[in-house]
């Protein structure tokens, strides 16, 4: 098993049940409009939260299942908190439920390690860790023992479902009791950390520089519909927003590591415009896949 060869790596944010949006973005990236096959130079990393909100969660799962079956070396699927509702006892109420067939597919991906927690990408010598919600500094230090590379962090996280499931799904303020004065957890796990209150603040409070950059979905600092930032002043001052791509980038002042958010913010209706984060001259280092 070897790392993928250099090419384009497209990190796709939370799809949220919008099959047509996912199909359109894959076509924009060069997928064949008839067969749907990905071009040879493209690897996709999808950050999780494939399901819920939109009109066709089952269709999204079926589409991704086809890629994992037919082009497994070109699709890395990460787990999100909405997939976790079907892999573990549910931890939050949600008004909709996907079909039994789609649930079986998600569980098979998880059991067979075709859906994983993290990916590590090399982009012209820069390592980026990709998870659903981002790796907080507290979790990096306490749960992972402060790995110095994105590869080591990703490998550790991908080993957790077998032995440390409860640690993996460590909650943050999104699961705090309603009405709590504060529930921010600077050691929240990579499936639940909130970008504005946990992920970025944790690294601002960390005395050691971040050893690698990150890409995440799950939550955004920018409220794109209201065109405002939902964050404390020190966090908001670091955020740059690409409205056309629905991406936001934080460059940490100590060391310059970047944290890029790619959640488009799809609700029942899709948020537009949005795009995948496309990394040129990039390769997947973890999970290792063969071409």
Protein backbone atom coordinates (compact mmCIF):
# COMPACT_ATOMS: atom_id res chain seq x y z
CA UNK A 1 0.00 0.00 0.00
CA UNK A 2 1.43 3.35 -1.01
CA UNK A 3 0.42 7.00 -0.85
CA UNK A 4 -1.46 8.30 -3.87
CA UNK A 5 0.62 9.92 -6.58
CA UNK A 6 0.64 13.69 -6.90
CA UNK A 7 -2.35 15.29 -8.59
CA UNK A 8 -5.41 17.20 -7.52
CA UNK A 9 -7.00 16.54 -4.15
CA UNK A 10 -10.48 18.01 -3.76
CA UNK A 11 -11.80 18.34 -0.21
CA UNK A 12 -15.59 18.46 -0.33
CA UNK A 13 -17.49 19.94 2.59
CA UNK A 14 -20.69 18.78 4.27
CA UNK A 15 -23.12 17.57 1.60
CA UNK A 16 -26.14 17.36 3.91
CA UNK A 17 -28.42 15.22 1.74
CA UNK A 18 -28.01 17.26 -1.46
CA UNK A 19 -27.21 14.66 -4.10
CA UNK A 20 -27.66 17.06 -7.01
CA UNK A 21 -25.19 19.51 -5.48
CA UNK A 22 -22.60 16.77 -5.01
CA UNK A 23 -23.09 15.51 -8.57
CA UNK A 24 -22.77 19.01 -10.01
CA UNK A 25 -19.56 19.71 -8.09
CA UNK A 26 -18.02 16.40 -9.16
CA UNK A 27 -18.80 17.26 -12.77
CA UNK A 28 -17.18 20.67 -12.30
CA UNK A 29 -14.10 18.84 -11.05
CA UNK A 30 -14.04 16.74 -14.21
CA UNK A 31 -16.19 13.69 -13.48
CA UNK A 32 -17.64 12.18 -16.64
CA UNK A 33 -21.17 13.59 -17.07
CA UNK A 34 -22.54 10.23 -18.22
CA UNK A 35 -20.68 7.59 -16.22
CA UNK A 36 -19.76 9.81 -13.27
CA UNK A 37 -16.22 8.40 -13.19
CA UNK A 38 -13.57 10.62 -11.66
CA UNK A 39 -10.64 11.73 -13.83
CA UNK A 40 -7.36 9.94 -13.21
CA UNK A 41 -5.66 12.99 -11.68
CA UNK A 42 -8.35 13.61 -9.02
CA UNK A 43 -8.73 12.25 -5.49
CA UNK A 44 -11.72 13.31 -3.39
CA UNK A 45 -11.73 13.65 0.39
CA UNK A 46 -15.25 14.19 1.72
CA UNK A 47 -15.37 15.50 5.29
CA UNK A 48 -18.54 13.75 6.47
CA UNK A 49 -22.14 14.81 7.13
CA UNK A 50 -23.30 13.31 3.87
CA UNK A 51 -26.79 12.91 5.29
CA UNK A 52 -29.72 14.87 6.74
CA UNK A 53 -31.23 18.27 5.92
CA UNK A 54 -31.43 17.96 2.14
CA UNK A 55 -33.94 16.03 0.02
CA UNK A 56 -31.95 12.90 -0.89
CA UNK A 57 -29.68 11.52 1.81
CA UNK A 58 -30.18 7.97 0.59
CA UNK A 59 -29.16 9.04 -2.91
CA UNK A 60 -25.99 10.67 -1.58
CA UNK A 61 -25.02 7.50 0.27
CA UNK A 62 -25.67 5.38 -2.83
CA UNK A 63 -23.59 7.73 -5.01
CA UNK A 64 -20.62 7.67 -2.64
CA UNK A 65 -20.95 3.90 -2.23
CA UNK A 66 -20.48 3.55 -5.97
CA UNK A 67 -17.22 5.53 -5.84
CA UNK A 68 -15.97 3.53 -2.87
CA UNK A 69 -16.75 0.37 -4.79
CA UNK A 70 -15.55 1.35 -8.27
CA UNK A 71 -12.79 3.91 -7.64
CA UNK A 72 -11.72 3.27 -4.04
CA UNK A 73 -8.24 4.71 -4.52
CA UNK A 74 -9.78 8.06 -5.50
CA UNK A 75 -12.35 8.57 -2.74
CA UNK A 76 -11.56 9.03 0.95
CA UNK A 77 -14.70 9.17 3.08
CA UNK A 78 -14.57 10.70 6.55
CA UNK A 79 -17.12 10.28 9.29
CA UNK A 80 -19.26 13.17 10.52
CA UNK A 81 -21.48 13.57 13.55
CA UNK A 82 -24.58 12.88 11.45
CA UNK A 83 -23.21 9.54 10.24
CA UNK A 84 -22.32 8.76 13.85
CA UNK A 85 -26.04 8.81 14.69
CA UNK A 86 -26.25 5.45 12.91
CA UNK A 87 -22.96 3.97 14.12
CA UNK A 88 -23.42 4.53 17.85
CA UNK A 89 -26.35 5.22 20.18
CA UNK A 90 -27.73 8.61 19.02
CA UNK A 91 -26.59 11.57 21.11
CA UNK A 92 -28.93 14.21 19.71
CA UNK A 93 -32.47 14.35 18.38
CA UNK A 94 -32.93 14.79 14.65
CA UNK A 95 -36.33 15.00 12.95
CA UNK A 96 -35.48 12.76 9.99
CA UNK A 97 -34.00 9.31 9.56
CA UNK A 98 -32.37 7.87 6.48
CA UNK A 99 -33.54 4.59 4.98
CA UNK A 100 -32.55 1.20 6.34
CA UNK A 101 -30.54 0.42 3.21
CA UNK A 102 -28.47 3.58 3.58
CA UNK A 103 -27.93 2.83 7.28
CA UNK A 104 -26.62 -0.62 6.39
CA UNK A 105 -24.19 0.95 3.90
CA UNK A 106 -22.85 3.43 6.47
CA UNK A 107 -22.35 0.65 9.00
CA UNK A 108 -20.56 -1.50 6.43
CA UNK A 109 -18.21 1.37 5.52
CA UNK A 110 -17.37 1.87 9.18
CA UNK A 111 -16.87 -1.83 9.92
CA UNK A 112 -14.67 -2.26 6.84
CA UNK A 113 -12.65 0.94 7.47
CA UNK A 114 -13.88 2.46 4.22
CA UNK A 115 -15.14 5.40 6.26
CA UNK A 116 -12.40 6.78 8.49
CA UNK A 117 -11.79 9.62 10.92
CA UNK A 118 -8.94 11.53 9.31
CA UNK A 119 -6.83 12.05 6.22
CA UNK A 120 -3.37 13.58 5.89
CA UNK A 121 -2.47 15.41 2.69
CA UNK A 122 0.89 16.63 1.46
CA UNK A 123 0.62 19.83 -0.59
CA UNK A 124 4.02 20.79 -1.98
CA UNK A 125 5.67 19.93 1.34
CA UNK A 126 2.93 21.30 3.61
CA UNK A 127 1.02 18.69 5.60
CA UNK A 128 -2.69 19.20 6.21
CA UNK A 129 -4.86 17.14 8.54
CA UNK A 130 -8.46 16.72 7.38
CA UNK A 131 -11.19 15.74 9.84
CA UNK A 132 -14.88 16.43 10.10
CA UNK A 133 -14.75 19.13 12.77
CA UNK A 134 -11.04 19.84 13.24
CA UNK A 135 -8.46 18.77 15.78
CA UNK A 136 -8.45 20.99 18.87
CA UNK A 137 -5.17 21.70 20.63
CA UNK A 138 -6.46 20.11 23.82
CA UNK A 139 -7.37 16.89 22.05
CA UNK A 140 -4.09 16.89 20.10
CA UNK A 141 -2.19 17.09 23.36
CA UNK A 142 -4.28 14.96 25.74
CA UNK A 143 -5.70 12.23 23.48
CA UNK A 144 -2.93 11.97 20.87
CA UNK A 145 0.17 12.93 22.88
CA UNK A 146 0.99 15.91 20.63
CA UNK A 147 2.07 14.30 17.33
CA UNK A 148 4.37 16.48 15.26
CA UNK A 149 2.94 15.59 11.84
CA UNK A 150 -0.48 15.36 10.23
CA UNK A 151 0.34 11.80 9.17
CA UNK A 152 0.93 10.66 12.75
CA UNK A 153 -2.20 12.47 13.95
CA UNK A 154 -4.33 10.90 11.21
CA UNK A 155 -2.99 7.41 11.84
CA UNK A 156 -3.70 7.70 15.55
CA UNK A 157 -7.23 8.98 14.94
CA UNK A 158 -7.94 6.23 12.42
CA UNK A 159 -6.98 3.62 15.02
CA UNK A 160 -9.41 5.00 17.62
CA UNK A 161 -12.73 3.40 16.56
CA UNK A 162 -11.46 -0.05 17.53
CA UNK A 163 -10.21 0.87 21.01
CA UNK A 164 -11.13 4.43 21.98
CA UNK A 165 -14.58 5.08 20.53
CA UNK A 166 -15.79 7.18 23.45
CA UNK A 167 -12.65 9.31 23.33
CA UNK A 168 -13.01 9.77 19.58
CA UNK A 169 -16.51 11.19 19.89
CA UNK A 170 -15.70 13.55 22.78
CA UNK A 171 -18.39 16.28 22.66
CA UNK A 172 -18.13 20.03 22.77
CA UNK A 173 -20.55 22.85 23.35
CA UNK A 174 -22.90 21.70 20.58
CA UNK A 175 -24.01 18.95 22.96
CA UNK A 176 -24.02 21.12 26.08
CA UNK A 177 -27.26 21.31 28.08
CA UNK A 178 -29.48 24.05 26.75
CA UNK A 179 -29.11 27.16 28.83
CA UNK A 180 -25.60 26.36 30.05
CA UNK A 181 -23.57 29.53 30.45
CA UNK A 182 -20.69 28.02 28.52
CA UNK A 183 -20.02 24.60 27.15
CA UNK A 184 -16.93 25.30 25.08
CA UNK A 185 -14.43 22.46 25.38
CA UNK A 186 -10.94 23.24 24.08
CA UNK A 187 -10.33 19.48 24.00
CA UNK A 188 -13.48 18.62 22.02
CA UNK A 189 -13.08 15.72 19.63
CA UNK A 190 -12.59 15.85 15.84
CA UNK A 191 -16.21 14.92 15.13
CA UNK A 192 -17.77 17.60 17.35
CA UNK A 193 -15.47 20.63 17.80
CA UNK A 194 -17.05 23.98 16.90
CA UNK A 195 -14.78 26.15 14.77
CA UNK A 196 -15.57 29.52 16.35
CA UNK A 197 -15.61 28.58 20.02
CA UNK A 198 -13.41 25.48 20.32
CA UNK A 199 -11.16 24.69 17.36
CA UNK A 200 -9.58 28.08 16.67
CA UNK A 201 -9.61 29.34 20.31
CA UNK A 202 -7.88 26.14 21.43
CA UNK A 203 -4.90 26.83 19.16
CA UNK A 204 -4.79 30.49 20.13
CA UNK A 205 -4.47 29.38 23.76
CA UNK A 206 -1.85 26.70 23.01
CA UNK A 207 1.70 27.82 23.92
CA UNK A 208 3.26 25.54 21.31
CA UNK A 209 2.88 26.43 17.65
CA UNK A 210 0.54 24.24 15.62
CA UNK A 211 2.72 21.64 13.91
CA UNK A 212 0.53 21.31 10.80
CA UNK A 213 -2.41 22.93 9.06
CA UNK A 214 -5.96 21.63 8.96
CA UNK A 215 -9.06 21.41 6.81
CA UNK A 216 -12.46 20.77 8.39
CA UNK A 217 -16.20 20.88 7.80
CA UNK A 218 -18.98 20.67 10.41
CA UNK A 219 -19.29 24.35 11.38
CA UNK A 220 -18.42 27.79 10.14
CA UNK A 221 -17.26 30.98 11.78
CA UNK A 222 -18.98 33.10 9.13
CA UNK A 223 -22.76 33.37 8.91
CA UNK A 224 -22.90 33.74 5.15
CA UNK A 225 -26.58 34.51 4.95
CA UNK A 226 -26.26 37.41 7.41
CA UNK A 227 -22.74 38.26 6.21
CA UNK A 228 -21.31 38.42 9.70
CA UNK A 229 -18.80 36.54 11.83
CA UNK A 230 -20.02 34.55 14.82
CA UNK A 231 -16.89 34.62 16.92
CA UNK A 232 -15.02 36.48 19.64
CA UNK A 233 -12.99 39.44 18.46
CA UNK A 234 -9.61 37.68 18.60
CA UNK A 235 -10.92 34.85 16.40
CA UNK A 236 -12.86 37.10 14.01
CA UNK A 237 -9.75 39.19 13.38
CA UNK A 238 -7.99 36.17 11.87
CA UNK A 239 -10.72 34.99 9.50
CA UNK A 240 -10.75 35.59 5.76
CA UNK A 241 -13.84 34.43 3.86
CA UNK A 242 -14.09 33.36 0.23
CA UNK A 243 -17.76 33.97 -0.51
CA UNK A 244 -17.69 32.32 -3.93
CA UNK A 245 -16.23 29.08 -2.58
CA UNK A 246 -17.90 29.21 0.86
CA UNK A 247 -14.49 28.68 2.46
CA UNK A 248 -12.96 30.46 5.42
CA UNK A 249 -9.31 30.53 6.37
CA UNK A 250 -7.64 31.29 9.68
CA UNK A 251 -3.87 31.78 9.76
CA UNK A 252 -2.64 31.22 13.28
CA UNK A 253 -0.38 34.05 14.45
CA UNK A 254 2.11 31.71 16.11
CA UNK A 255 3.83 29.80 13.33
CA UNK A 256 1.44 30.58 10.51
CA UNK A 257 -0.39 27.25 10.23
CA UNK A 258 -3.69 27.59 8.41
CA UNK A 259 -7.08 26.20 9.38
CA UNK A 260 -9.49 26.08 6.44
CA UNK A 261 -13.22 25.53 6.88
CA UNK A 262 -15.13 24.07 3.92
CA UNK A 263 -18.67 23.58 5.28
CA UNK A 264 -20.99 25.18 2.67
CA UNK A 265 -23.78 25.55 5.21
CA UNK A 266 -26.42 23.61 3.29
CA UNK A 267 -29.78 23.46 5.01
CA UNK A 268 -33.02 22.11 3.62
CA UNK A 269 -32.07 24.18 0.62
CA UNK A 270 -28.55 24.23 -0.76
CA UNK A 271 -26.35 27.23 -0.07
CA UNK A 272 -24.88 28.67 -3.24
CA UNK A 273 -22.28 29.41 -4.43
CA UNK A 274 -19.89 26.84 -2.99
CA UNK A 275 -16.97 24.76 -4.20
CA UNK A 276 -14.61 22.05 -3.07
CA UNK A 277 -11.18 23.08 -1.82
CA UNK A 278 -8.89 21.96 -4.64
CA UNK A 279 -5.26 21.34 -3.74
CA UNK A 280 -2.89 21.08 -6.70
CA UNK A 281 0.25 18.94 -6.71
CA UNK A 282 -1.08 17.09 -3.66
CA UNK A 283 -1.16 13.52 -2.47
CA UNK A 284 -2.88 11.52 0.25
CA UNK A 285 -0.46 10.27 2.90
CA UNK A 286 -3.03 8.69 5.23
CA UNK A 287 -5.12 6.61 4.87
CA UNK A 288 -2.76 4.76 2.56
CA UNK A 289 -4.46 3.66 -0.63
CA UNK A 290 -3.16 1.92 -3.73
CA UNK A 291 -3.69 3.00 -7.31
